[in-house]
């Protein structure tokens, strides 16, 4: 007999998923599929409720590749950033196009004012920190590209 979270299980063999995540279950994500489903759900909502163009729903494999954890979205500049230690900007994009980080953020390539601890209270920045949020930078990039056109 095995006990997990107060539940007594006769056998671990008769269960499909066992383990721990934020909600105390181990999940092996198929990240591309999960990101695509989340993207499609977000876009469907924006298209239906806010009147965004249907063309935003289309997603290429290259665009899907932008969905990864811990990207920082600078909403003021319309950029998506990958940060290293001490807020050093490793690379950046506006829409799906690379930007000149030095030109946009200076020689130090640093996002000095960004505080990862209080990011949820700073409306200038957004960080996707879970696999379920990986679609957010893709949605942002698509909308930025639409606005640029």
Protein backbone atom coordinates (compact mmCIF):
# COMPACT_ATOMS: atom_id res chain seq x y z
CA UNK A 1 0.00 0.00 0.00
CA UNK A 2 1.32 3.45 -0.96
CA UNK A 3 0.09 6.73 0.48
CA UNK A 4 0.21 9.95 -1.58
CA UNK A 5 -1.23 13.24 -0.35
CA UNK A 6 -3.37 11.40 2.17
CA UNK A 7 -4.75 8.97 -0.42
CA UNK A 8 -4.05 5.29 0.02
CA UNK A 9 -3.35 3.54 -3.26
CA UNK A 10 -3.19 -0.23 -3.57
CA UNK A 11 -0.83 -0.05 -6.51
CA UNK A 12 1.04 2.58 -8.49
CA UNK A 13 0.74 0.47 -11.62
CA UNK A 14 -2.92 1.21 -12.26
CA UNK A 15 -2.44 4.99 -12.67
CA UNK A 16 -1.57 6.90 -15.83
CA UNK A 17 0.22 9.86 -14.19
CA UNK A 18 2.08 10.02 -10.91
CA UNK A 19 4.40 12.74 -9.63
CA UNK A 20 4.64 16.40 -8.75
CA UNK A 21 4.11 19.75 -10.43
CA UNK A 22 2.63 23.00 -9.17
CA UNK A 23 -0.59 21.15 -8.60
CA UNK A 24 1.27 18.09 -7.26
CA UNK A 25 1.28 15.94 -10.36
CA UNK A 26 4.13 14.93 -12.62
CA UNK A 27 3.47 15.80 -16.21
CA UNK A 28 5.62 15.24 -19.23
CA UNK A 29 4.59 18.11 -21.47
CA UNK A 30 4.69 17.94 -25.22
CA UNK A 31 5.72 21.58 -25.31
CA UNK A 32 5.10 22.28 -28.99
CA UNK A 33 1.61 20.83 -28.81
CA UNK A 34 0.86 22.57 -25.50
CA UNK A 35 2.14 25.92 -26.79
CA UNK A 36 0.11 25.56 -29.99
CA UNK A 37 -3.10 24.76 -28.06
CA UNK A 38 -2.57 27.69 -25.69
CA UNK A 39 -1.80 30.01 -28.63
CA UNK A 40 -4.90 28.92 -30.52
CA UNK A 41 -7.04 29.39 -27.42
CA UNK A 42 -5.72 32.91 -26.79
CA UNK A 43 -6.02 33.94 -30.43
CA UNK A 44 -9.52 32.51 -30.77
CA UNK A 45 -10.55 34.63 -27.80
CA UNK A 46 -8.93 37.79 -29.21
CA UNK A 47 -10.46 37.23 -32.64
CA UNK A 48 -13.96 36.54 -31.31
CA UNK A 49 -14.14 39.05 -28.47
CA UNK A 50 -11.89 41.89 -29.65
CA UNK A 51 -12.25 41.69 -33.41
CA UNK A 52 -8.64 40.90 -34.24
CA UNK A 53 -8.10 39.66 -37.81
CA UNK A 54 -8.59 35.95 -38.45
CA UNK A 55 -5.15 35.85 -40.14
CA UNK A 56 -3.50 36.06 -36.70
CA UNK A 57 -4.74 32.55 -35.97
CA UNK A 58 -2.26 31.05 -38.47
CA UNK A 59 1.00 29.95 -36.88
CA UNK A 60 4.19 28.75 -38.57
CA UNK A 61 6.74 26.39 -37.02
CA UNK A 62 9.26 29.25 -36.91
CA UNK A 63 6.81 31.46 -35.02
CA UNK A 64 6.01 28.60 -32.66
CA UNK A 65 9.73 28.45 -31.83
CA UNK A 66 9.48 31.78 -30.01
CA UNK A 67 7.45 30.15 -27.23
CA UNK A 68 9.85 29.48 -24.37
CA UNK A 69 9.94 30.12 -20.65
CA UNK A 70 11.27 33.27 -19.05
CA UNK A 71 11.15 35.66 -21.96
CA UNK A 72 10.57 39.25 -20.86
CA UNK A 73 8.12 41.37 -22.81
CA UNK A 74 8.81 45.10 -22.73
CA UNK A 75 5.38 46.47 -23.56
CA UNK A 76 6.59 50.08 -23.90
CA UNK A 77 9.11 49.26 -26.63
CA UNK A 78 7.22 46.35 -28.15
CA UNK A 79 10.15 43.99 -27.68
CA UNK A 80 10.63 40.45 -26.44
CA UNK A 81 13.88 39.86 -24.58
CA UNK A 82 15.94 36.91 -23.44
CA UNK A 83 17.87 37.93 -20.33
CA UNK A 84 20.98 36.47 -18.75
CA UNK A 85 22.48 37.14 -15.34
CA UNK A 86 22.08 40.64 -13.88
CA UNK A 87 19.42 41.52 -16.48
CA UNK A 88 21.95 41.37 -19.33
CA UNK A 89 20.03 41.24 -22.60
CA UNK A 90 21.22 38.24 -24.60
CA UNK A 91 18.92 38.85 -27.56
CA UNK A 92 15.78 40.69 -28.48
CA UNK A 93 13.02 40.72 -31.05
CA UNK A 94 10.35 43.11 -32.24
CA UNK A 95 7.67 40.91 -33.61
CA UNK A 96 9.66 38.00 -35.03
CA UNK A 97 12.59 40.10 -36.24
CA UNK A 98 15.85 40.43 -34.33
CA UNK A 99 16.61 43.89 -32.97
CA UNK A 100 19.89 45.70 -32.41
CA UNK A 101 19.96 45.38 -28.62
CA UNK A 102 22.70 48.00 -28.21
CA UNK A 103 20.70 50.54 -30.24
CA UNK A 104 17.50 49.83 -28.28
CA UNK A 105 18.89 49.43 -24.74
CA UNK A 106 22.40 50.91 -24.76
CA UNK A 107 25.98 49.65 -24.70
CA UNK A 108 25.53 47.89 -21.37
CA UNK A 109 22.75 45.75 -22.87
CA UNK A 110 21.05 45.78 -19.50
CA UNK A 111 17.47 46.11 -18.39
CA UNK A 112 18.40 47.92 -15.16
CA UNK A 113 14.90 48.75 -13.99
CA UNK A 114 13.55 45.23 -14.48
CA UNK A 115 12.97 43.38 -11.21
CA UNK A 116 11.98 39.74 -11.71
CA UNK A 117 10.60 39.57 -8.17
CA UNK A 118 8.10 42.41 -8.59
CA UNK A 119 7.39 41.92 -12.29
CA UNK A 120 3.73 41.16 -11.67
CA UNK A 121 3.32 44.66 -10.21
CA UNK A 122 5.08 46.47 -13.08
CA UNK A 123 2.76 46.82 -16.06
CA UNK A 124 5.66 47.66 -18.39
CA UNK A 125 6.96 44.09 -18.29
CA UNK A 126 5.46 40.65 -18.61
CA UNK A 127 7.28 37.37 -18.05
CA UNK A 128 6.02 33.98 -19.07
CA UNK A 129 7.21 31.69 -16.32
CA UNK A 130 5.21 28.51 -16.91
CA UNK A 131 4.76 26.20 -19.87
CA UNK A 132 1.14 27.35 -20.11
CA UNK A 133 2.32 30.94 -20.69
CA UNK A 134 4.75 30.12 -23.52
CA UNK A 135 2.20 31.24 -26.09
CA UNK A 136 2.06 34.79 -24.72
CA UNK A 137 5.28 36.03 -26.41
CA UNK A 138 4.05 34.54 -29.69
CA UNK A 139 0.71 36.32 -29.38
CA UNK A 140 2.52 39.56 -28.51
CA UNK A 141 4.89 39.18 -31.48
CA UNK A 142 2.00 38.53 -33.87
CA UNK A 143 0.16 41.63 -32.67
CA UNK A 144 3.32 43.77 -32.88
CA UNK A 145 3.90 42.57 -36.45
CA UNK A 146 0.29 43.41 -37.29
CA UNK A 147 0.66 46.92 -35.82
CA UNK A 148 3.93 47.50 -37.72
CA UNK A 149 2.22 46.62 -41.03
